Amino acid sequence: MFKVGRTTGHTVGRFHHVDASVTINYQHNGLVKGKVRVVRRTEDAPFAGLGDSGALVLNGHAEAVGMVTAVAVGSVAYGVVYISPLAPIAENIKEVLQRGPGDGKVEVELL
C-alpha cells in the first residue's frame, strides 16, 4: 500500500488486518464505529500521521483501495493507521447527494 499525505508525504505500508471492527473516539465528535482496514507502520517510518486524514490509499497496482481515516497515537496501537474502504464512502456520498435538491437520482461510480 502507498499514499501521499499532507503531513508525511509519500509512504509505503502493509495491510495488517482487512475489515477490522473498530470504535474510534473523536474528542469533538464522539464515538464512530465501523469496519476499516488496518495498515501498520514499517520499522523506518509511520504509514501516516496526524494531518494525513483524507489521503487516498492505493495498492501496488495503483488502484484506489481506501482513504486514511484515523491514526492511533499515544496508545498500545501507536502508529496503526485506519483506512476506510471506498465503497462505503461512495455510498455515503450518494446518500448525502440524494437528500439535496433535484430529482433524487444520483449515480456514484468508482473507476
Protein backbone atom coordinates (compact mmCIF):
# COMPACT_ATOMS: atom_id res chain seq x y z
CA MET A 1 0.00 0.00 0.00
CA PHE A 2 1.09 3.57 -0.54
CA LYS A 3 -0.26 7.07 -0.13
CA VAL A 4 0.78 10.69 -0.36
CA GLY A 5 -0.34 12.63 2.70
CA ARG A 6 -0.14 16.28 3.69
CA THR A 7 1.95 15.56 6.78
CA THR A 8 4.11 12.53 5.97
CA GLY A 9 4.24 12.75 2.16
CA HIS A 10 4.77 9.53 0.16
CA THR A 11 4.84 6.43 2.36
CA VAL A 12 4.59 2.68 1.95
CA GLY A 13 2.96 0.21 4.36
CA ARG A 14 1.43 -3.24 4.66
CA PHE A 15 -2.12 -4.27 5.39
CA HIS A 16 -2.25 -5.82 8.82
CA HIS A 17 -5.97 -6.60 9.02
CA VAL A 18 -8.76 -6.31 6.49
CA ASP A 19 -12.27 -5.34 7.62
CA ALA A 20 -11.48 -4.98 11.32
CA SER A 21 -14.30 -3.72 13.55
CA VAL A 22 -13.20 -0.63 15.44
CA THR A 23 -14.59 2.12 17.62
CA ILE A 24 -12.72 5.42 17.30
CA ASN A 25 -13.20 8.08 19.96
CA TYR A 26 -13.01 11.50 18.33
CA GLN A 27 -12.68 14.16 21.04
CA HIS A 28 -15.20 16.56 19.49
CA ASN A 29 -17.46 14.21 17.53
CA GLY A 30 -17.91 11.27 19.90
CA LEU A 31 -17.59 7.60 19.05
CA VAL A 32 -17.53 6.33 15.48
CA LYS A 33 -17.91 2.59 14.87
CA GLY A 34 -17.32 0.70 11.67
CA LYS A 35 -15.23 -1.60 9.54
CA VAL A 36 -11.79 -0.44 8.49
CA ARG A 37 -8.59 -1.79 7.04
CA VAL A 38 -5.55 -1.54 9.25
CA VAL A 39 -2.08 -0.62 7.99
CA ARG A 40 0.93 -0.90 10.27
CA ARG A 41 3.95 1.33 10.34
CA THR A 42 7.17 0.00 8.91
CA GLU A 43 10.31 -0.14 11.02
CA ASP A 44 11.60 3.01 9.35
CA ALA A 45 8.58 5.31 9.43
CA PRO A 46 4.86 5.54 10.08
CA PHE A 47 2.45 4.99 7.18
CA ALA A 48 0.53 8.16 8.10
CA GLY A 49 0.49 10.88 10.72
CA LEU A 50 -1.88 13.45 12.13
CA GLY A 51 -2.98 15.64 9.23
CA ASP A 52 -2.93 12.84 6.65
CA SER A 53 -6.63 12.04 7.08
CA GLY A 54 -8.40 12.00 3.73
CA ALA A 55 -5.32 10.84 1.79
CA LEU A 56 -6.12 8.29 -0.89
CA VAL A 57 -4.54 4.86 -0.31
CA LEU A 58 -3.50 2.80 -3.33
CA ASN A 59 -2.41 -0.78 -3.78
CA GLY A 60 0.64 -1.99 -5.71
CA HIS A 61 -1.32 -1.73 -8.99
CA ALA A 62 -2.08 1.97 -8.35
CA GLU A 63 -5.75 1.14 -7.68
CA ALA A 64 -7.50 3.20 -5.02
CA VAL A 65 -8.47 0.95 -2.10
CA GLY A 66 -9.36 3.39 0.64
CA MET A 67 -8.85 6.65 2.45
CA VAL A 68 -6.85 7.43 5.62
CA THR A 69 -9.44 7.84 8.37
CA ALA A 70 -7.53 7.86 11.66
CA VAL A 71 -4.08 7.37 13.15
CA ALA A 72 -3.55 5.76 16.56
CA VAL A 73 -1.31 7.87 18.79
CA GLY A 74 -0.45 7.65 22.46
CA SER A 75 -1.67 4.07 22.87
CA VAL A 76 -0.60 0.47 22.53
CA ALA A 77 -1.61 0.72 18.86
CA TYR A 78 0.71 3.69 18.26
CA GLY A 79 1.46 4.04 14.55
CA VAL A 80 -1.52 1.97 13.39
CA VAL A 81 -3.44 3.66 10.58
CA TYR A 82 -7.13 3.05 9.90
CA ILE A 83 -8.18 3.03 6.25
CA SER A 84 -11.85 3.35 5.29
CA PRO A 85 -12.74 1.25 2.24
CA LEU A 86 -14.01 3.34 -0.71
CA ALA A 87 -17.35 1.56 -1.32
CA PRO A 88 -19.00 2.77 1.94
CA ILE A 89 -17.60 6.27 1.35
CA ALA A 90 -19.17 6.33 -2.13
CA GLU A 91 -22.48 5.10 -0.68
CA ASN A 92 -22.40 7.87 1.93
CA ILE A 93 -21.72 10.49 -0.75
CA LYS A 94 -24.64 9.12 -2.76
CA GLU A 95 -26.97 9.26 0.26
CA VAL A 96 -26.00 12.85 1.06
CA LEU A 97 -26.42 13.98 -2.56
CA GLN A 98 -29.85 12.33 -2.80
CA ARG A 99 -31.04 14.45 0.14
CA GLY A 100 -30.27 17.63 -1.79
CA PRO A 101 -32.45 19.47 -4.29
CA GLY A 102 -33.23 17.77 -7.58
CA ASP A 103 -34.93 14.58 -8.68
CA GLY A 104 -33.20 12.38 -6.07
CA LYS A 105 -31.44 10.23 -8.68
CA VAL A 106 -27.70 10.07 -8.09
CA GLU A 107 -25.12 7.71 -9.51
CA VAL A 108 -21.69 7.32 -7.90
CA GLU A 109 -19.21 5.18 -9.78
CA LEU A 110 -15.74 4.15 -8.64
CA LEU A 111 -13.42 3.66 -11.59
